């Protein structure tokens, strides 16, 4: 194999650490590697706070609830 590309679905609003973790978990499973994701989990919390802030601001400004799709592990079923 000369190369590979793994992609994760994001909302498009901010850099999505949750999507990054999903892609990384798939890769780690394929390679049978363990990795400490504590720092990535902190980034996920930060990202979720930013998204909630954006949603709150949009609601206050009359834009209503913004649709923020969340990556789903079922999207990775084809990877084994």
PDB file of N, CA and C in Angstrom:
ATOM      1  N   UNK A   1       0.858  -1.167   0.000  1.00  0.00           N
ATOM      2  CA  UNK A   1       0.000   0.000   0.000  1.00  0.00           C
ATOM      3  C   UNK A   1       0.906   1.231   0.000  1.00  0.00           C
ATOM      4  N   UNK A   2       0.671   2.144  -0.930  1.00  0.00           N
ATOM      5  CA  UNK A   2       1.477   3.354  -1.016  1.00  0.00           C
ATOM      6  C   UNK A   2       0.958   4.467  -0.122  1.00  0.00           C
ATOM      7  N   UNK A   3      -0.311   4.455   0.184  1.00  0.00           N
ATOM      8  CA  UNK A   3      -0.858   5.519   1.015  1.00  0.00           C
ATOM      9  C   UNK A   3      -2.266   5.209   1.469  1.00  0.00           C
ATOM     10  N   UNK A   4      -2.728   6.016   2.404  1.00  0.00           N
ATOM     11  CA  UNK A   4      -4.068   5.839   2.951  1.00  0.00           C
ATOM     12  C   UNK A   4      -4.581   7.193   3.419  1.00  0.00           C
ATOM     13  N   UNK A   5      -5.880   7.356   3.397  1.00  0.00           N
ATOM     14  CA  UNK A   5      -6.497   8.593   3.887  1.00  0.00           C
ATOM     15  C   UNK A   5      -7.700   8.204   4.740  1.00  0.00           C
ATOM     16  N   UNK A   6      -7.730   8.677   5.964  1.00  0.00           N
ATOM     17  CA  UNK A   6      -8.877   8.469   6.848  1.00  0.00           C
ATOM     18  C   UNK A   6      -9.505   9.828   7.103  1.00  0.00           C
ATOM     19  N   UNK A   7     -10.811   9.928   6.925  1.00  0.00           N
ATOM     20  CA  UNK A   7     -11.516  11.197   7.096  1.00  0.00           C
ATOM     21  C   UNK A   7     -12.585  11.056   8.169  1.00  0.00           C
ATOM     22  N   UNK A   8     -12.827  12.148   8.870  1.00  0.00           N
ATOM     23  CA  UNK A   8     -13.880  12.178   9.878  1.00  0.00           C
ATOM     24  C   UNK A   8     -14.865  13.289   9.562  1.00  0.00           C
ATOM     25  N   UNK A   9     -16.134  13.019   9.763  1.00  0.00           N
ATOM     26  CA  UNK A   9     -17.191  14.001   9.501  1.00  0.00           C
ATOM     27  C   UNK A   9     -17.225  15.033  10.620  1.00  0.00           C
ATOM     28  N   UNK A  10     -17.272  16.312  10.243  1.00  0.00           N
ATOM     29  CA  UNK A  10     -17.352  17.393  11.211  1.00  0.00           C
ATOM     30  C   UNK A  10     -18.537  18.287  10.897  1.00  0.00           C
ATOM     31  N   UNK A  11     -18.852  19.166  11.830  1.00  0.00           N
ATOM     32  CA  UNK A  11     -19.940  20.120  11.618  1.00  0.00           C
ATOM     33  C   UNK A  11     -19.524  21.223  10.648  1.00  0.00           C
ATOM     34  N   UNK A  12     -18.232  21.487  10.579  1.00  0.00           N
ATOM     35  CA  UNK A  12     -17.736  22.542   9.706  1.00  0.00           C
ATOM     36  C   UNK A  12     -17.600  23.877  10.405  1.00  0.00           C
ATOM     37  N   UNK A  13     -18.068  23.984  11.643  1.00  0.00           N
ATOM     38  CA  UNK A  13     -18.024  25.251  12.369  1.00  0.00           C
ATOM     39  C   UNK A  13     -16.683  25.487  13.061  1.00  0.00           C
ATOM     40  N   UNK A  14     -16.112  24.438  13.616  1.00  0.00           N
ATOM     41  CA  UNK A  14     -14.853  24.538  14.357  1.00  0.00           C
ATOM     42  C   UNK A  14     -14.027  23.280  14.081  1.00  0.00           C
ATOM     43  N   UNK A  15     -12.740  23.333  14.416  1.00  0.00           N
ATOM     44  CA  UNK A  15     -11.916  22.130  14.340  1.00  0.00           C
ATOM     45  C   UNK A  15     -12.522  21.128  15.319  1.00  0.00           C
ATOM     46  N   UNK A  16     -12.840  19.965  14.843  1.00  0.00           N
ATOM     47  CA  UNK A  16     -13.615  19.008  15.628  1.00  0.00           C
ATOM     48  C   UNK A  16     -12.735  17.890  16.183  1.00  0.00           C
ATOM     49  N   UNK A  17     -12.342  18.034  17.445  1.00  0.00           N
ATOM     50  CA  UNK A  17     -11.486  17.039  18.098  1.00  0.00           C
ATOM     51  C   UNK A  17     -12.206  15.700  18.247  1.00  0.00           C
ATOM     52  N   UNK A  18     -13.533  15.733  18.339  1.00  0.00           N
ATOM     53  CA  UNK A  18     -14.294  14.493  18.482  1.00  0.00           C
ATOM     54  C   UNK A  18     -14.177  13.651  17.204  1.00  0.00           C
ATOM     55  N   UNK A  19     -14.232  14.308  16.056  1.00  0.00           N
ATOM     56  CA  UNK A  19     -14.061  13.603  14.782  1.00  0.00           C
ATOM     57  C   UNK A  19     -12.634  13.081  14.668  1.00  0.00           C
ATOM     58  N   UNK A  20     -11.676  13.877  15.123  1.00  0.00           N
ATOM     59  CA  UNK A  20     -10.277  13.445  15.096  1.00  0.00           C
ATOM     60  C   UNK A  20     -10.090  12.188  15.934  1.00  0.00           C
ATOM     61  N   UNK A  21     -10.733  12.156  17.097  1.00  0.00           N
ATOM     62  CA  UNK A  21     -10.606  10.992  17.974  1.00  0.00           C
ATOM     63  C   UNK A  21     -11.229   9.761  17.326  1.00  0.00           C
ATOM     64  N   UNK A  22     -12.366   9.930  16.650  1.00  0.00           N
ATOM     65  CA  UNK A  22     -13.018   8.797  15.995  1.00  0.00           C
ATOM     66  C   UNK A  22     -12.124   8.204  14.906  1.00  0.00           C
ATOM     67  N   UNK A  23     -11.495   9.069  14.124  1.00  0.00           N
ATOM     68  CA  UNK A  23     -10.579   8.596  13.079  1.00  0.00           C
ATOM     69  C   UNK A  23      -9.368   7.912  13.705  1.00  0.00           C
ATOM     70  N   UNK A  24      -8.812   8.523  14.732  1.00  0.00           N
ATOM     71  CA  UNK A  24      -7.647   7.962  15.400  1.00  0.00           C
ATOM     72  C   UNK A  24      -7.975   6.604  16.030  1.00  0.00           C
ATOM     73  N   UNK A  25      -9.147   6.486  16.643  1.00  0.00           N
ATOM     74  CA  UNK A  25      -9.539   5.207  17.239  1.00  0.00           C
ATOM     75  C   UNK A  25      -9.643   4.119  16.176  1.00  0.00           C
ATOM     76  N   UNK A  26     -10.193   4.474  15.010  1.00  0.00           N
ATOM     77  CA  UNK A  26     -10.288   3.497  13.923  1.00  0.00           C
ATOM     78  C   UNK A  26      -8.890   3.043  13.489  1.00  0.00           C
ATOM     79  N   UNK A  27      -7.984   3.995  13.338  1.00  0.00           N
ATOM     80  CA  UNK A  27      -6.612   3.666  12.938  1.00  0.00           C
ATOM     81  C   UNK A  27      -5.918   2.803  13.992  1.00  0.00           C
ATOM     82  N   UNK A  28      -6.076   3.167  15.253  1.00  0.00           N
ATOM     83  CA  UNK A  28      -5.451   2.400  16.340  1.00  0.00           C
ATOM     84  C   UNK A  28      -5.989   0.976  16.394  1.00  0.00           C
ATOM     85  N   UNK A  29      -7.271   0.830  16.107  1.00  0.00           N
ATOM     86  CA  UNK A  29      -7.870  -0.507  16.097  1.00  0.00           C
ATOM     87  C   UNK A  29      -7.289  -1.333  14.950  1.00  0.00           C
ATOM     88  N   UNK A  30      -7.146  -0.710  13.788  1.00  0.00           N
ATOM     89  CA  UNK A  30      -6.572  -1.410  12.637  1.00  0.00           C
ATOM     90  C   UNK A  30      -5.143  -1.848  12.935  1.00  0.00           C
ATOM     91  N   UNK A  31      -4.369  -0.951  13.557  1.00  0.00           N
ATOM     92  CA  UNK A  31      -2.960  -1.222  13.826  1.00  0.00           C
ATOM     93  C   UNK A  31      -2.724  -1.964  15.134  1.00  0.00           C
ATOM     94  N   UNK A  32      -3.790  -2.173  15.907  1.00  0.00           N
ATOM     95  CA  UNK A  32      -3.709  -2.831  17.216  1.00  0.00           C
ATOM     96  C   UNK A  32      -2.692  -2.129  18.116  1.00  0.00           C
ATOM     97  N   UNK A  33      -2.894  -0.804  18.263  1.00  0.00           N
ATOM     98  CA  UNK A  33      -2.016   0.038  19.087  1.00  0.00           C
ATOM     99  C   UNK A  33      -2.859   0.702  20.169  1.00  0.00           C
ATOM    100  N   UNK A  34      -2.289   0.858  21.351  1.00  0.00           N
ATOM    101  CA  UNK A  34      -2.932   1.594  22.445  1.00  0.00           C
ATOM    102  C   UNK A  34      -2.306   2.974  22.526  1.00  0.00           C
ATOM    103  N   UNK A  35      -3.110   3.980  22.852  1.00  0.00           N
ATOM    104  CA  UNK A  35      -2.618   5.349  22.929  1.00  0.00           C
ATOM    105  C   UNK A  35      -3.395   6.108  23.998  1.00  0.00           C
ATOM    106  N   UNK A  36      -2.699   6.875  24.808  1.00  0.00           N
ATOM    107  CA  UNK A  36      -3.336   7.714  25.822  1.00  0.00           C
ATOM    108  C   UNK A  36      -3.945   8.938  25.130  1.00  0.00           C
ATOM    109  N   UNK A  37      -5.245   9.098  25.224  1.00  0.00           N
ATOM    110  CA  UNK A  37      -5.942  10.197  24.553  1.00  0.00           C
ATOM    111  C   UNK A  37      -6.437  11.250  25.529  1.00  0.00           C
ATOM    112  N   UNK A  38      -5.795  11.350  26.690  1.00  0.00           N
ATOM    113  CA  UNK A  38      -6.207  12.313  27.709  1.00  0.00           C
ATOM    114  C   UNK A  38      -6.209  13.738  27.174  1.00  0.00           C
ATOM    115  N   UNK A  39      -5.148  14.133  26.491  1.00  0.00           N
ATOM    116  CA  UNK A  39      -5.062  15.494  25.953  1.00  0.00           C
ATOM    117  C   UNK A  39      -6.120  15.731  24.879  1.00  0.00           C
ATOM    118  N   UNK A  40      -6.364  14.730  24.056  1.00  0.00           N
ATOM    119  CA  UNK A  40      -7.392  14.857  23.022  1.00  0.00           C
ATOM    120  C   UNK A  40      -8.775  14.979  23.659  1.00  0.00           C
ATOM    121  N   UNK A  41      -9.007  14.244  24.738  1.00  0.00           N
ATOM    122  CA  UNK A  41     -10.285  14.355  25.454  1.00  0.00           C
ATOM    123  C   UNK A  41     -10.494  15.771  25.996  1.00  0.00           C
ATOM    124  N   UNK A  42      -9.416  16.416  26.447  1.00  0.00           N
ATOM    125  CA  UNK A  42      -9.513  17.805  26.918  1.00  0.00           C
ATOM    126  C   UNK A  42      -9.890  18.727  25.763  1.00  0.00           C
ATOM    127  N   UNK A  43      -9.311  18.478  24.586  1.00  0.00           N
ATOM    128  CA  UNK A  43      -9.646  19.279  23.396  1.00  0.00           C
ATOM    129  C   UNK A  43     -11.110  19.087  23.017  1.00  0.00           C
ATOM    130  N   UNK A  44     -11.608  17.859  23.171  1.00  0.00           N
ATOM    131  CA  UNK A  44     -13.011  17.579  22.872  1.00  0.00           C
ATOM    132  C   UNK A  44     -13.904  18.407  23.786  1.00  0.00           C
ATOM    133  N   UNK A  45     -13.576  18.455  25.072  1.00  0.00           N
ATOM    134  CA  UNK A  45     -14.355  19.265  26.015  1.00  0.00           C
ATOM    135  C   UNK A  45     -14.331  20.734  25.607  1.00  0.00           C
ATOM    136  N   UNK A  46     -13.162  21.238  25.225  1.00  0.00           N
ATOM    137  CA  UNK A  46     -13.040  22.632  24.787  1.00  0.00           C
ATOM    138  C   UNK A  46     -13.888  22.893  23.545  1.00  0.00           C
ATOM    139  N   UNK A  47     -13.844  21.966  22.601  1.00  0.00           N
ATOM    140  CA  UNK A  47     -14.625  22.103  21.369  1.00  0.00           C
ATOM    141  C   UNK A  47     -16.117  22.134  21.684  1.00  0.00           C
ATOM    142  N   UNK A  48     -16.567  21.245  22.575  1.00  0.00           N
ATOM    143  CA  UNK A  48     -17.980  21.207  22.933  1.00  0.00           C
ATOM    144  C   UNK A  48     -18.415  22.517  23.595  1.00  0.00           C
ATOM    145  N   UNK A  49     -17.542  23.121  24.395  1.00  0.00           N
ATOM    146  CA  UNK A  49     -17.850  24.408  25.018  1.00  0.00           C
ATOM    147  C   UNK A  49     -17.990  25.499  23.952  1.00  0.00           C
ATOM    148  N   UNK A  50     -17.099  25.488  22.966  1.00  0.00           N
ATOM    149  CA  UNK A  50     -17.161  26.476  21.887  1.00  0.00           C
ATOM    150  C   UNK A  50     -18.457  26.318  21.103  1.00  0.00           C
ATOM    151  N   UNK A  51     -18.817  25.074  20.776  1.00  0.00           N
ATOM    152  CA  UNK A  51     -20.042  24.822  20.019  1.00  0.00           C
ATOM    153  C   UNK A  51     -21.259  25.291  20.805  1.00  0.00           C
ATOM    154  N   UNK A  52     -21.297  25.002  22.113  1.00  0.00           N
ATOM    155  CA  UNK A  52     -22.423  25.455  22.940  1.00  0.00           C
ATOM    156  C   UNK A  52     -22.488  26.978  22.973  1.00  0.00           C
ATOM    157  N   UNK A  53     -21.343  27.623  23.021  1.00  0.00           N
ATOM    158  CA  UNK A  53     -21.287  29.077  23.017  1.00  0.00           C
ATOM    159  C   UNK A  53     -21.829  29.639  21.698  1.00  0.00           C
ATOM    160  N   UNK A  54     -21.447  29.026  20.586  1.00  0.00           N
ATOM    161  CA  UNK A  54     -21.938  29.459  19.271  1.00  0.00           C
ATOM    162  C   UNK A  54     -23.450  29.274  19.190  1.00  0.00           C
ATOM    163  N   UNK A  55     -23.938  28.131  19.646  1.00  0.00           N
ATOM    164  CA  UNK A  55     -25.374  27.867  19.631  1.00  0.00           C
ATOM    165  C   UNK A  55     -26.124  28.864  20.501  1.00  0.00           C
ATOM    166  N   UNK A  56     -25.581  29.157  21.678  1.00  0.00           N
ATOM    167  CA  UNK A  56     -26.213  30.095  22.597  1.00  0.00           C
ATOM    168  C   UNK A  56     -26.279  31.492  21.989  1.00  0.00           C
ATOM    169  N   UNK A  57     -25.177  31.919  21.397  1.00  0.00           N
ATOM    170  CA  UNK A  57     -25.141  33.239  20.766  1.00  0.00           C
ATOM    171  C   UNK A  57     -26.125  33.306  19.604  1.00  0.00           C
ATOM    172  N   UNK A  58     -26.184  32.261  18.796  1.00  0.00           N
ATOM    173  CA  UNK A  58     -27.111  32.229  17.661  1.00  0.00           C
ATOM    174  C   UNK A  58     -28.551  32.299  18.147  1.00  0.00           C
ATOM    175  N   UNK A  59     -28.842  31.606  19.247  1.00  0.00           N
ATOM    176  CA  UNK A  59     -30.191  31.617  19.802  1.00  0.00           C
ATOM    177  C   UNK A  59     -30.565  33.012  20.307  1.00  0.00           C
ATOM    178  N   UNK A  60     -29.622  33.670  20.990  1.00  0.00           N
ATOM    179  CA  UNK A  60     -29.867  35.020  21.497  1.00  0.00           C
ATOM    180  C   UNK A  60     -30.093  36.014  20.366  1.00  0.00           C
ATOM    181  N   UNK A  61     -29.435  35.777  19.234  1.00  0.00           N
ATOM    182  CA  UNK A  61     -29.545  36.690  18.108  1.00  0.00           C
ATOM    183  C   UNK A  61     -30.693  36.323  17.181  1.00  0.00           C
ATOM    184  N   UNK A  62     -31.504  35.340  17.584  1.00  0.00           N
ATOM    185  CA  UNK A  62     -32.702  35.005  16.833  1.00  0.00           C
ATOM    186  C   UNK A  62     -32.504  34.029  15.691  1.00  0.00           C
ATOM    187  N   UNK A  63     -31.382  33.338  15.662  1.00  0.00           N
ATOM    188  CA  UNK A  63     -31.159  32.370  14.601  1.00  0.00           C
ATOM    189  C   UNK A  63     -31.670  30.980  14.953  1.00  0.00           C
ATOM    190  N   UNK A  64     -32.153  30.803  16.155  1.00  0.00           N
ATOM    191  CA  UNK A  64     -32.662  29.501  16.571  1.00  0.00           C
ATOM    192  C   UNK A  64     -31.546  28.503  16.815  1.00  0.00           C
ATOM    193  N   UNK A  65     -31.919  27.279  17.024  1.00  0.00           N
ATOM    194  CA  UNK A  65     -30.942  26.213  17.283  1.00  0.00           C
ATOM    195  C   UNK A  65     -30.226  25.852  15.998  1.00  0.00           C
ATOM    196  N   UNK A  66     -28.905  25.903  16.031  1.00  0.00           N
ATOM    197  CA  UNK A  66     -28.110  25.533  14.865  1.00  0.00           C
ATOM    198  C   UNK A  66     -27.970  24.019  14.822  1.00  0.00           C
ATOM    199  N   UNK A  67     -28.126  23.452  13.666  1.00  0.00           N
ATOM    200  CA  UNK A  67     -27.957  22.006  13.510  1.00  0.00           C
ATOM    201  C   UNK A  67     -26.475  21.685  13.516  1.00  0.00           C
ATOM    202  N   UNK A  68     -26.029  20.940  14.509  1.00  0.00           N
ATOM    203  CA  UNK A  68     -24.626  20.577  14.643  1.00  0.00           C
ATOM    204  C   UNK A  68     -24.532  19.049  14.610  1.00  0.00           C
ATOM    205  N   UNK A  69     -24.381  18.439  13.434  1.00  0.00           N
ATOM    206  CA  UNK A  69     -24.314  16.976  13.372  1.00  0.00           C
ATOM    207  C   UNK A  69     -23.103  16.443  14.126  1.00  0.00           C
ATOM    208  N   UNK A  70     -23.289  15.330  14.786  1.00  0.00           N
ATOM    209  CA  UNK A  70     -22.213  14.707  15.549  1.00  0.00           C
ATOM    210  C   UNK A  70     -21.725  13.466  14.818  1.00  0.00           C
ATOM    211  N   UNK A  71     -20.418  13.287  14.758  1.00  0.00           N
ATOM    212  CA  UNK A  71     -19.888  12.074  14.135  1.00  0.00           C
ATOM    213  C   UNK A  71     -20.421  10.848  14.858  1.00  0.00           C
ATOM    214  N   UNK A  72     -20.639   9.794  14.125  1.00  0.00           N
ATOM    215  CA  UNK A  72     -21.178   8.575  14.703  1.00  0.00           C
ATOM    216  C   UNK A  72     -20.269   7.402  14.373  1.00  0.00           C
ATOM    217  N   UNK A  73     -20.054   6.534  15.347  1.00  0.00           N
ATOM    218  CA  UNK A  73     -19.203   5.374  15.108  1.00  0.00           C
ATOM    219  C   UNK A  73     -19.809   4.460  14.051  1.00  0.00           C
ATOM    220  N   UNK A  74     -21.128   4.545  13.838  1.00  0.00           N
ATOM    221  CA  UNK A  74     -21.732   3.688  12.814  1.00  0.00           C
ATOM    222  C   UNK A  74     -21.244   4.064  11.428  1.00  0.00           C
ATOM    223  N   UNK A  75     -20.724   5.292  11.265  1.00  0.00           N
ATOM    224  CA  UNK A  75     -20.167   5.698   9.977  1.00  0.00           C
ATOM    225  C   UNK A  75     -18.870   4.963   9.680  1.00  0.00           C
ATOM    226  N   UNK A  76     -18.304   4.304  10.669  1.00  0.00           N
ATOM    227  CA  UNK A  76     -17.021   3.633  10.498  1.00  0.00           C
ATOM    228  C   UNK A  76     -17.175   2.126  10.356  1.00  0.00           C
ATOM    229  N   UNK A  77     -18.409   1.639  10.164  1.00  0.00           N
ATOM    230  CA  UNK A  77     -18.638   0.212  10.118  1.00  0.00           C
ATOM    231  C   UNK A  77     -17.888  -0.483   8.992  1.00  0.00           C
ATOM    232  N   UNK A  78     -17.592   0.226   7.923  1.00  0.00           N
ATOM    233  CA  UNK A  78     -16.914  -0.398   6.803  1.00  0.00           C
ATOM    234  C   UNK A  78     -15.435  -0.628   7.088  1.00  0.00           C
ATOM    235  N   UNK A  79     -14.906  -0.029   8.157  1.00  0.00           N
ATOM    236  CA  UNK A  79     -13.503  -0.232   8.517  1.00  0.00           C
ATOM    237  C   UNK A  79     -13.418  -1.427   9.441  1.00  0.00           C
ATOM    238  N   UNK A  80     -12.600  -2.380   9.096  1.00  0.00           N
ATOM    239  CA  UNK A  80     -12.443  -3.542   9.975  1.00  0.00           C
ATOM    240  C   UNK A  80     -10.994  -3.932  10.094  1.00  0.00           C
TER     241      UNK A  80
END
